[in-house]
C-alpha atoms as a PDB file:
ATOM      1  CA  MET A   1      -8.026  19.838  59.247  1.00  0.00           C
ATOM      2  CA  HIS A   2      -6.745  22.647  57.041  1.00  0.00           C
ATOM      3  CA  ASP A   3      -8.036  22.537  53.482  1.00  0.00           C
ATOM      4  CA  PRO A   4      -5.888  24.602  51.094  1.00  0.00           C
ATOM      5  CA  ASP A   5      -8.862  24.944  48.736  1.00  0.00           C
ATOM      6  CA  ALA A   6     -11.393  26.211  51.297  1.00  0.00           C
ATOM      7  CA  ASP A   7     -11.047  29.920  50.471  1.00  0.00           C
ATOM      8  CA  ASP A   8     -11.313  29.387  46.723  1.00  0.00           C
ATOM      9  CA  VAL A   9     -14.309  27.061  47.130  1.00  0.00           C
ATOM     10  CA  ALA A  10     -16.109  29.648  49.271  1.00  0.00           C
ATOM     11  CA  LYS A  11     -15.364  32.363  46.707  1.00  0.00           C
ATOM     12  CA  ALA A  12     -16.443  30.137  43.809  1.00  0.00           C
ATOM     13  CA  GLY A  13     -19.678  29.506  45.705  1.00  0.00           C
ATOM     14  CA  GLN A  14     -20.273  33.250  45.637  1.00  0.00           C
ATOM     15  CA  GLY A  15     -19.774  33.333  41.860  1.00  0.00           C
ATOM     16  CA  ASP A  16     -16.068  34.278  41.786  1.00  0.00           C
ATOM     17  CA  ARG A  17     -14.887  32.972  38.411  1.00  0.00           C
ATOM     18  CA  ALA A  18     -11.220  33.609  39.205  1.00  0.00           C
ATOM     19  CA  ALA A  19     -11.450  31.370  42.278  1.00  0.00           C
ATOM     20  CA  ALA A  20     -13.128  28.650  40.193  1.00  0.00           C
ATOM     21  CA  ALA A  21     -10.388  29.013  37.576  1.00  0.00           C
ATOM     22  CA  ARG A  22      -7.712  28.570  40.270  1.00  0.00           C
ATOM     23  CA  LEU A  23      -9.409  25.374  41.473  1.00  0.00           C
ATOM     24  CA  ILE A  24      -9.624  24.065  37.929  1.00  0.00           C
ATOM     25  CA  GLY A  25      -5.982  24.906  37.243  1.00  0.00           C
ATOM     26  CA  ARG A  26      -4.880  23.254  40.462  1.00  0.00           C
ATOM     27  CA  HIS A  27      -6.886  20.036  40.127  1.00  0.00           C
ATOM     28  CA  ALA A  28      -7.786  19.413  36.468  1.00  0.00           C
ATOM     29  CA  PRO A  29      -4.458  17.863  35.380  1.00  0.00           C
ATOM     30  CA  LYS A  30      -4.503  15.302  38.210  1.00  0.00           C
ATOM     31  CA  LEU A  31      -8.165  14.459  37.697  1.00  0.00           C
ATOM     32  CA  LEU A  32      -7.627  14.129  33.954  1.00  0.00           C
ATOM     33  CA  THR A  33      -4.781  11.652  34.470  1.00  0.00           C
ATOM     34  CA  VAL A  34      -6.925   9.357  36.601  1.00  0.00           C
ATOM     35  CA  ALA A  35     -10.003   9.762  34.368  1.00  0.00           C
ATOM     36  CA  ARG A  36      -7.957   8.929  31.264  1.00  0.00           C
ATOM     37  CA  ARG A  37      -6.676   5.755  32.906  1.00  0.00           C
ATOM     38  CA  MET A  38     -10.170   4.804  34.079  1.00  0.00           C
ATOM     39  CA  LEU A  39     -11.877   5.474  30.755  1.00  0.00           C
ATOM     40  CA  GLY A  40      -9.099   4.765  28.264  1.00  0.00           C
ATOM     41  CA  ALA A  41      -9.972   7.717  26.015  1.00  0.00           C
ATOM     42  CA  GLN A  42      -8.703  11.285  26.203  1.00  0.00           C
ATOM     43  CA  ALA A  43     -11.891  12.944  24.915  1.00  0.00           C
ATOM     44  CA  GLU A  44     -14.135  10.995  27.269  1.00  0.00           C
ATOM     45  CA  ALA A  45     -11.809  11.759  30.188  1.00  0.00           C
ATOM     46  CA  GLU A  46     -11.928  15.470  29.330  1.00  0.00           C
ATOM     47  CA  ASP A  47     -15.732  15.336  29.239  1.00  0.00           C
ATOM     48  CA  ALA A  48     -15.833  13.613  32.633  1.00  0.00           C
ATOM     49  CA  VAL A  49     -13.502  16.190  34.208  1.00  0.00           C
ATOM     50  CA  GLN A  50     -15.503  19.022  32.665  1.00  0.00           C
ATOM     51  CA  GLU A  51     -18.621  17.550  34.279  1.00  0.00           C
ATOM     52  CA  VAL A  52     -16.801  17.452  37.625  1.00  0.00           C
ATOM     53  CA  PHE A  53     -16.074  21.164  37.381  1.00  0.00           C
ATOM     54  CA  LEU A  54     -19.643  21.926  36.353  1.00  0.00           C
ATOM     55  CA  ARG A  55     -20.673  20.198  39.565  1.00  0.00           C
ATOM     56  CA  LEU A  56     -18.141  22.325  41.433  1.00  0.00           C
ATOM     57  CA  TRP A  57     -19.703  25.485  40.025  1.00  0.00           C
ATOM     58  CA  THR A  58     -23.243  24.416  40.944  1.00  0.00           C
ATOM     59  CA  HIS A  59     -22.416  22.933  44.367  1.00  0.00           C
ATOM     60  CA  ALA A  60     -19.641  25.185  45.708  1.00  0.00           C
ATOM     61  CA  ALA A  61     -22.090  27.382  47.643  1.00  0.00           C
ATOM     62  CA  ARG A  62     -23.194  24.307  49.619  1.00  0.00           C
ATOM     63  CA  TRP A  63     -19.656  23.147  50.425  1.00  0.00           C
ATOM     64  CA  GLN A  64     -19.137  22.519  54.138  1.00  0.00           C
ATOM     65  CA  PRO A  65     -15.485  22.806  55.131  1.00  0.00           C
ATOM     66  CA  GLY A  66     -14.276  20.327  57.717  1.00  0.00           C
ATOM     67  CA  LYS A  67     -16.328  17.321  56.588  1.00  0.00           C
ATOM     68  CA  ALA A  68     -13.745  16.218  54.021  1.00  0.00           C
ATOM     69  CA  LYS A  69     -10.993  17.834  52.005  1.00  0.00           C
ATOM     70  CA  PHE A  70     -12.306  19.494  48.883  1.00  0.00           C
ATOM     71  CA  GLU A  71      -9.890  17.491  46.736  1.00  0.00           C
ATOM     72  CA  THR A  72     -11.350  14.294  48.203  1.00  0.00           C
ATOM     73  CA  TRP A  73     -14.831  15.401  47.128  1.00  0.00           C
ATOM     74  CA  LEU A  74     -13.540  16.218  43.617  1.00  0.00           C
ATOM     75  CA  TYR A  75     -11.996  12.772  43.203  1.00  0.00           C
ATOM     76  CA  ARG A  76     -15.164  11.101  44.427  1.00  0.00           C
ATOM     77  CA  VAL A  77     -17.269  13.041  41.909  1.00  0.00           C
ATOM     78  CA  MET A  78     -14.746  12.192  39.180  1.00  0.00           C
ATOM     79  CA  LEU A  79     -14.789   8.467  40.026  1.00  0.00           C
ATOM     80  CA  ASN A  80     -18.584   8.478  39.987  1.00  0.00           C
ATOM     81  CA  GLN A  81     -18.503  10.167  36.575  1.00  0.00           C
ATOM     82  CA  CYS A  82     -16.124   7.470  35.313  1.00  0.00           C
ATOM     83  CA  TYR A  83     -18.213   4.634  36.774  1.00  0.00           C
ATOM     84  CA  ASP A  84     -21.362   6.082  35.163  1.00  0.00           C
ATOM     85  CA  ARG A  85     -19.663   6.375  31.793  1.00  0.00           C
ATOM     86  CA  LEU A  86     -18.279   2.841  31.999  1.00  0.00           C
ATOM     87  CA  ARG A  87     -21.706   1.437  32.855  1.00  0.00           C
ATOM     88  CA  ARG A  88     -23.330   3.276  29.935  1.00  0.00           C
ATOM     89  CA  ARG A  89     -20.920   1.814  27.401  1.00  0.00           C
ATOM     90  CA  PRO A  90     -22.523  -0.748  25.146  1.00  0.00           C
ATOM     91  CA  ALA A  91     -20.935  -4.166  25.128  1.00  0.00           C
ATOM     92  CA  ALA A  92     -19.013  -4.622  21.892  1.00  0.00           C
ATOM     93  CA  PRO A  93     -19.749  -7.739  19.866  1.00  0.00           C
ATOM     94  CA  LEU A  94     -16.924 -10.261  19.873  1.00  0.00           C
ATOM     95  CA  GLU A  95     -16.384  -9.738  16.134  1.00  0.00           C
ATOM     96  CA  ALA A  96     -15.490  -6.095  16.812  1.00  0.00           C
ATOM     97  CA  ALA A  97     -12.736  -7.002  19.269  1.00  0.00           C
ATOM     98  CA  ASP A  98      -9.126  -6.646  18.166  1.00  0.00           C
ATOM     99  CA  ASP A  99      -7.011  -9.725  17.752  1.00  0.00           C
ATOM    100  CA  VAL A 100      -6.388 -11.145  21.177  1.00  0.00           C
ATOM    101  CA  ALA A 101      -2.798 -11.971  22.023  1.00  0.00           C
ATOM    102  CA  ASP A 102      -2.152 -15.379  23.524  1.00  0.00           C
ATOM    103  CA  GLY A 103      -0.105 -13.833  26.349  1.00  0.00           C
ATOM    104  CA  ALA A 104       2.979 -15.922  25.660  1.00  0.00           C
ATOM    105  CA  ALA A 105       6.050 -13.790  25.111  1.00  0.00           C
ATOM    106  CA  LEU A 106       8.200 -14.614  22.129  1.00  0.00           C
ATOM    107  CA  PRO A 107      11.679 -15.764  23.155  1.00  0.00           C
ATOM    108  CA  ASP A 108      13.344 -12.841  21.377  1.00  0.00           C
ATOM    109  CA  ALA A 109      10.712 -10.277  22.309  1.00  0.00           C
ATOM    110  CA  GLY A 110      12.133  -7.051  23.673  1.00  0.00           C
ATOM    111  CA  LEU A 111       9.938  -4.248  24.856  1.00  0.00           C
ATOM    112  CA  ASP A 112      10.887  -0.631  24.750  1.00  0.00           C
ATOM    113  CA  GLU A 113       9.632   1.670  27.486  1.00  0.00           C
ATOM    114  CA  GLY A 114       6.603   2.706  25.428  1.00  0.00           C
ATOM    115  CA  LYS A 115       5.575  -0.901  24.900  1.00  0.00           C
ATOM    116  CA  LEU A 116       6.010  -1.601  28.610  1.00  0.00           C
ATOM    117  CA  GLY A 117       3.707   1.323  29.415  1.00  0.00           C
ATOM    118  CA  GLN A 118       1.169  -0.004  26.920  1.00  0.00           C
ATOM    119  CA  GLU A 119       1.307  -3.471  28.490  1.00  0.00           C
ATOM    120  CA  ILE A 120       0.765  -2.002  31.947  1.00  0.00           C
ATOM    121  CA  GLY A 121      -2.072   0.183  30.645  1.00  0.00           C
ATOM    122  CA  ARG A 122      -3.772  -2.830  29.063  1.00  0.00           C
ATOM    123  CA  ALA A 123      -3.393  -4.836  32.262  1.00  0.00           C
ATOM    124  CA  LEU A 124      -4.911  -1.959  34.257  1.00  0.00           C
ATOM    125  CA  ASP A 125      -7.791  -1.701  31.781  1.00  0.00           C
ATOM    126  CA  GLU A 126      -8.627  -5.361  32.364  1.00  0.00           C
ATOM    127  CA  LEU A 127      -9.069  -4.892  36.108  1.00  0.00           C
ATOM    128  CA  PRO A 128     -12.552  -4.512  37.583  1.00  0.00           C
ATOM    129  CA  GLU A 129     -13.341  -0.791  37.887  1.00  0.00           C
ATOM    130  CA  ARG A 130     -13.081  -0.594  41.701  1.00  0.00           C
ATOM    131  CA  GLN A 131      -9.701  -2.388  41.767  1.00  0.00           C
ATOM    132  CA  LYS A 132      -8.495  -0.126  38.977  1.00  0.00           C
ATOM    133  CA  ALA A 133      -9.648   2.983  40.866  1.00  0.00           C
ATOM    134  CA  ALA A 134      -7.888   1.846  44.056  1.00  0.00           C
ATOM    135  CA  ILE A 135      -4.620   1.172  42.184  1.00  0.00           C
ATOM    136  CA  LEU A 136      -4.790   4.499  40.329  1.00  0.00           C
ATOM    137  CA  LEU A 137      -5.482   6.533  43.460  1.00  0.00           C
ATOM    138  CA  CYS A 138      -2.864   4.854  45.651  1.00  0.00           C
ATOM    139  CA  HIS A 139      -0.076   4.102  43.181  1.00  0.00           C
ATOM    140  CA  PHE A 140      -0.425   6.648  40.387  1.00  0.00           C
ATOM    141  CA  ARG A 141      -1.767   9.591  42.431  1.00  0.00           C
ATOM    142  CA  GLU A 142       0.166   8.423  45.523  1.00  0.00           C
ATOM    143  CA  LEU A 143      -2.718   9.081  47.901  1.00  0.00           C
ATOM    144  CA  GLY A 144      -2.718   7.439  51.305  1.00  0.00           C
ATOM    145  CA  ASN A 145      -5.089   4.574  52.018  1.00  0.00           C
ATOM    146  CA  ILE A 146      -7.293   6.669  54.291  1.00  0.00           C
ATOM    147  CA  GLU A 147      -7.830   9.393  51.696  1.00  0.00           C
ATOM    148  CA  ALA A 148      -8.293   6.919  48.832  1.00  0.00           C
ATOM    149  CA  ALA A 149     -10.855   4.963  50.873  1.00  0.00           C
ATOM    150  CA  GLU A 150     -12.710   8.184  51.651  1.00  0.00           C
ATOM    151  CA  ILE A 151     -12.757   9.134  47.960  1.00  0.00           C
ATOM    152  CA  MET A 152     -14.133   5.723  47.034  1.00  0.00           C
ATOM    153  CA  GLY A 153     -16.649   5.752  49.898  1.00  0.00           C
ATOM    154  CA  ILE A 154     -15.362   2.504  51.428  1.00  0.00           C
ATOM    155  CA  SER A 155     -13.505   1.424  54.556  1.00  0.00           C
ATOM    156  CA  VAL A 156      -9.709   1.317  54.651  1.00  0.00           C
ATOM    157  CA  GLU A 157      -9.918  -2.472  55.017  1.00  0.00           C
ATOM    158  CA  ALA A 158     -12.055  -2.720  51.868  1.00  0.00           C
ATOM    159  CA  LEU A 159      -9.565  -0.510  50.009  1.00  0.00           C
ATOM    160  CA  GLU A 160      -6.666  -2.691  51.140  1.00  0.00           C
ATOM    161  CA  SER A 161      -8.543  -5.762  49.908  1.00  0.00           C
ATOM    162  CA  LEU A 162      -9.141  -4.106  46.512  1.00  0.00           C
ATOM    163  CA  LEU A 163      -5.461  -3.163  46.316  1.00  0.00           C
ATOM    164  CA  ALA A 164      -4.321  -6.694  47.175  1.00  0.00           C
ATOM    165  CA  ARG A 165      -6.628  -8.282  44.577  1.00  0.00           C
ATOM    166  CA  GLY A 166      -5.671  -5.668  41.986  1.00  0.00           C
ATOM    167  CA  ARG A 167      -1.945  -6.196  42.566  1.00  0.00           C
ATOM    168  CA  ARG A 168      -2.341  -9.985  42.295  1.00  0.00           C
ATOM    169  CA  SER A 169      -4.249  -9.599  39.029  1.00  0.00           C
ATOM    170  CA  LEU A 170      -1.674  -7.181  37.624  1.00  0.00           C
ATOM    171  CA  ARG A 171       1.170  -9.496  38.640  1.00  0.00           C
ATOM    172  CA  ALA A 172      -0.523 -12.411  36.853  1.00  0.00           C
ATOM    173  CA  ARG A 173      -1.328 -10.343  33.749  1.00  0.00           C
ATOM    174  CA  LEU A 174       2.227  -8.992  33.533  1.00  0.00           C
ATOM    175  CA  GLU A 175       4.033 -12.262  34.332  1.00  0.00           C
ATOM    176  CA  HIS A 176       5.253 -12.514  30.715  1.00  0.00           C
ATOM    177  CA  LEU A 177       7.309  -9.334  31.268  1.00  0.00           C
ATOM    178  CA  LYS A 178       9.263 -10.764  34.196  1.00  0.00           C
ATOM    179  CA  GLY A 179      12.625 -10.822  32.432  1.00  0.00           C
ATOM    180  CA  PHE A 180      12.190  -7.433  30.776  1.00  0.00           C
ATOM    181  CA  VAL A 181      12.050  -5.126  33.780  1.00  0.00           C
ATOM    182  CA  GLY A 182      15.573  -4.325  34.869  1.00  0.00           C
ATOM    183  CA  ASP A 183      17.296  -6.147  31.970  1.00  0.00           C
ATOM    184  CA  GLY A 184      18.119  -2.779  30.334  1.00  0.00           C
END
């Protein structure tokens, strides 16, 4: 398997800052997109991605090409960072929660594209973290099932199960939008 990052990882492992900068430039935007969706906050997502690249700097010398693509390792580290941050979050008291919508769409409700994106984002945020990660990797990052399963450290069958459950949950949570999509 050819890994397009192998040369830069080897150089970064030898202390080459330019090689590390190339890796960051190549991967940071994609990692940040997934981290932002997982964590729901730009600043926290930036912190998580920064931690991923600190790990790159400290572990690059030990990288063993051929075991997995470097990008796969980066995503796995990023997901672990997100999971850790989500687990450390304190549970908010019910009084601090925003008003909860009843889910019923008003008969004259029309959503613009921004509102639709917000609805989808909220529905994604309500998914369990592993379902959310599977959906983000496969549908937003457009990774194949094999690579996404490797990133998550699970079998392809387990990934497909997470995807199926996640899609069912999203469909149910977004049912009230049925008439909006495609009505222009």
